[in-house]
Amino acid sequence: MWDKAKVLSNIQKLTPRLRTAFAATCAARSLFMYLVWSKESGWGNSERMQKALELVWRYVEGELIDSHVLQSEAEAVYALIPDTENLPSVSSSGALDAGLAVMYALQCAATDSNSDHAANAAEAAFVAFDIVRHNAGSTDTSLPDKERDCQEKTIQILLRWGERPITRKDLSCY
């Protein structure tokens, strides 16, 4: 089970940039669900979604990006997220949560008081993985559990990180 209060408590110990790094790792791990759905459905914009996440990583890696640019990109990403009622498919629910994870990562980068956005990105990623499990008709919770464990591992790495520069390669879980 995913525990938002526990995740939020740990995230609040991180600097704003490290919170954004956490949100970006969650979004990056779930993004494939959006990419698969977009290809299968012919809807969405995989390239734009990937570029949006790239913008978050550029912020994490030290580039100065105006918060208005990040917020504008979050709004653009939101418009690319599938409405599961209008675009029903097995993969649309996972794509919705994967897209939300990217949007929350952008919002996280756009503001210093970003603990909630980081936790929301983590929750969206966890739910996306749980949806994959559910859509496969499986009762095996190892996939969402692995995502939760990876989130915990990432937080522990970031808690020890300090103020050193960070890159996406530093946070690969699987």
Protein backbone atom coordinates (compact mmCIF):
# COMPACT_ATOMS: atom_id res chain seq x y z
CA MET A 1 0.00 0.00 0.00
CA TRP A 2 1.14 3.54 -0.74
CA ASP A 3 1.28 5.90 2.25
CA LYS A 4 0.98 9.55 1.22
CA ALA A 5 1.54 10.88 4.74
CA LYS A 6 4.80 8.93 5.06
CA VAL A 7 6.01 10.04 1.63
CA LEU A 8 5.06 13.66 2.31
CA SER A 9 6.82 13.60 5.67
CA ASN A 10 10.05 12.44 4.02
CA ILE A 11 9.74 14.78 1.04
CA GLN A 12 9.44 17.78 3.35
CA LYS A 13 12.98 17.07 4.59
CA LEU A 14 14.35 17.69 1.08
CA THR A 15 15.30 20.98 -0.55
CA PRO A 16 12.88 22.24 -3.21
CA ARG A 17 15.20 21.16 -6.06
CA LEU A 18 15.60 17.65 -4.59
CA ARG A 19 11.82 17.40 -4.17
CA THR A 20 11.58 18.15 -7.87
CA ALA A 21 14.21 15.49 -8.61
CA PHE A 22 12.05 13.01 -6.71
CA ALA A 23 8.93 14.03 -8.66
CA ALA A 24 10.85 13.78 -11.94
CA THR A 25 12.03 10.23 -11.18
CA CYS A 26 8.46 9.16 -10.44
CA ALA A 27 7.22 10.76 -13.67
CA ALA A 28 10.07 9.26 -15.70
CA ARG A 29 9.35 5.72 -14.49
CA SER A 30 5.67 5.92 -15.42
CA LEU A 31 5.98 7.92 -18.65
CA PHE A 32 6.15 4.79 -20.82
CA MET A 33 2.46 4.21 -20.08
CA TYR A 34 1.57 7.52 -21.70
CA LEU A 35 3.86 6.80 -24.66
CA VAL A 36 2.30 3.38 -25.29
CA TRP A 37 -1.23 4.74 -24.98
CA SER A 38 -0.50 7.65 -27.32
CA LYS A 39 0.91 5.31 -29.97
CA GLU A 40 -1.98 2.84 -29.63
CA SER A 41 -4.72 5.47 -29.61
CA GLY A 42 -3.23 7.96 -32.06
CA TRP A 43 -4.05 10.67 -29.55
CA GLY A 44 -1.90 12.80 -27.27
CA ASN A 45 1.59 14.03 -28.01
CA SER A 46 4.41 11.78 -26.85
CA GLU A 47 7.14 14.13 -28.04
CA ARG A 48 5.65 17.08 -26.16
CA MET A 49 5.25 14.99 -23.00
CA GLN A 50 8.88 13.85 -23.19
CA LYS A 51 10.07 17.42 -23.78
CA ALA A 52 8.05 18.57 -20.77
CA LEU A 53 9.80 16.03 -18.55
CA GLU A 54 13.13 17.06 -20.10
CA LEU A 55 12.37 20.64 -18.98
CA VAL A 56 11.95 19.40 -15.41
CA TRP A 57 15.29 17.57 -15.58
CA ARG A 58 17.00 20.68 -16.91
CA TYR A 59 15.69 22.54 -13.85
CA VAL A 60 16.82 19.73 -11.52
CA GLU A 61 20.28 19.77 -13.10
CA GLY A 62 20.68 23.48 -12.38
CA GLU A 63 19.31 25.42 -15.34
CA LEU A 64 17.44 28.57 -14.35
CA ILE A 65 13.94 28.30 -15.80
CA ASP A 66 11.31 30.94 -15.15
CA SER A 67 8.43 29.60 -13.03
CA HIS A 68 5.93 31.02 -15.55
CA VAL A 69 7.48 28.85 -18.28
CA LEU A 70 7.21 25.76 -16.06
CA GLN A 71 3.61 26.54 -15.09
CA SER A 72 2.66 27.20 -18.70
CA GLU A 73 4.17 23.86 -19.69
CA ALA A 74 2.21 22.16 -16.87
CA GLU A 75 -0.99 23.58 -18.33
CA ALA A 76 -0.02 22.38 -21.82
CA VAL A 77 0.70 18.90 -20.46
CA TYR A 78 -2.66 18.81 -18.70
CA ALA A 79 -4.35 19.37 -22.06
CA LEU A 80 -2.57 16.23 -23.39
CA ILE A 81 -3.77 13.95 -20.60
CA PRO A 82 -6.52 11.57 -21.73
CA ASP A 83 -10.06 11.89 -20.47
CA THR A 84 -10.80 8.26 -19.71
CA GLU A 85 -14.52 8.79 -20.26
CA ASN A 86 -14.08 10.17 -23.78
CA LEU A 87 -11.08 8.00 -24.68
CA PRO A 88 -11.74 4.68 -22.94
CA SER A 89 -9.18 1.95 -23.42
CA VAL A 90 -7.27 -0.45 -21.25
CA SER A 91 -4.22 1.81 -21.35
CA SER A 92 -5.88 5.24 -20.99
CA SER A 93 -6.09 5.12 -17.18
CA GLY A 94 -2.37 4.42 -16.83
CA ALA A 95 -1.66 7.16 -19.38
CA LEU A 96 -3.79 9.59 -17.39
CA ASP A 97 -1.81 8.99 -14.21
CA ALA A 98 1.53 9.02 -16.03
CA GLY A 99 0.60 12.37 -17.60
CA LEU A 100 -0.46 13.70 -14.22
CA ALA A 101 2.92 12.67 -12.78
CA VAL A 102 4.66 14.79 -15.45
CA MET A 103 2.30 17.71 -14.79
CA TYR A 104 2.95 17.53 -11.03
CA ALA A 105 6.71 17.38 -11.63
CA LEU A 106 6.44 20.59 -13.67
CA GLN A 107 4.39 22.23 -10.94
CA CYS A 108 6.95 21.05 -8.41
CA ALA A 109 9.73 22.77 -10.37
CA ALA A 110 7.64 25.94 -10.67
CA THR A 111 7.35 26.59 -6.93
CA ASP A 112 9.56 26.32 -3.85
CA SER A 113 6.69 25.20 -1.62
CA ASN A 114 6.39 22.04 -3.64
CA SER A 115 6.04 19.11 -1.22
CA ASP A 116 2.43 18.45 -2.19
CA HIS A 117 3.25 18.50 -5.91
CA ALA A 118 6.09 16.02 -5.37
CA ALA A 119 3.83 13.73 -3.32
CA ASN A 120 1.12 13.98 -5.98
CA ALA A 121 3.62 12.97 -8.68
CA ALA A 122 4.61 9.96 -6.59
CA GLU A 123 1.01 8.98 -5.96
CA ALA A 124 0.13 9.30 -9.67
CA ALA A 125 3.07 7.08 -10.60
CA PHE A 126 2.11 4.48 -8.00
CA VAL A 127 -1.50 4.47 -9.21
CA ALA A 128 -0.35 4.15 -12.83
CA PHE A 129 1.61 1.01 -11.95
CA ASP A 130 -1.31 -0.35 -9.94
CA ILE A 131 -3.56 0.21 -12.96
CA VAL A 132 -1.18 -1.82 -15.14
CA ARG A 133 -1.45 -4.64 -12.62
CA HIS A 134 -5.24 -4.36 -12.48
CA ASN A 135 -5.64 -4.20 -16.28
CA ALA A 136 -3.57 -7.35 -16.59
CA GLY A 137 -6.13 -9.05 -14.36
CA SER A 138 -3.49 -9.78 -11.77
CA THR A 139 -3.77 -9.81 -8.01
CA ASP A 140 0.03 -9.77 -7.80
CA THR A 141 1.01 -6.43 -6.26
CA SER A 142 4.74 -6.73 -7.00
CA LEU A 143 4.72 -4.05 -9.73
CA PRO A 144 3.14 -1.25 -7.65
CA ASP A 145 5.08 -2.47 -4.61
CA LYS A 146 8.30 -2.17 -6.63
CA GLU A 147 7.37 1.42 -7.53
CA ARG A 148 6.70 2.22 -3.87
CA ASP A 149 10.03 0.66 -2.87
CA CYS A 150 11.83 2.61 -5.60
CA GLN A 151 10.24 5.83 -4.33
CA GLU A 152 11.47 5.06 -0.81
CA LYS A 153 14.96 4.28 -2.12
CA THR A 154 15.01 7.55 -4.09
CA ILE A 155 13.98 9.55 -1.02
CA GLN A 156 16.76 7.90 1.03
CA ILE A 157 19.33 8.75 -1.65
CA LEU A 158 18.13 12.35 -1.77
CA LEU A 159 18.11 12.70 2.03
CA ARG A 160 21.86 11.92 1.96
CA TRP A 161 22.56 13.96 -1.16
CA GLY A 162 23.02 17.40 0.33
CA GLU A 163 23.75 20.32 -1.99
CA ARG A 164 25.91 18.52 -4.55
CA PRO A 165 24.82 18.83 -8.19
CA ILE A 166 22.47 16.05 -9.23
CA THR A 167 21.60 14.42 -12.53
CA ARG A 168 18.92 11.96 -13.59
CA LYS A 169 21.57 9.23 -13.82
CA ASP A 170 22.13 9.53 -10.07
CA LEU A 171 18.54 8.41 -9.39
CA SER A 172 17.95 5.34 -11.54
CA CYS A 173 16.14 2.59 -9.63
CA TYR A 174 15.43 0.01 -12.29
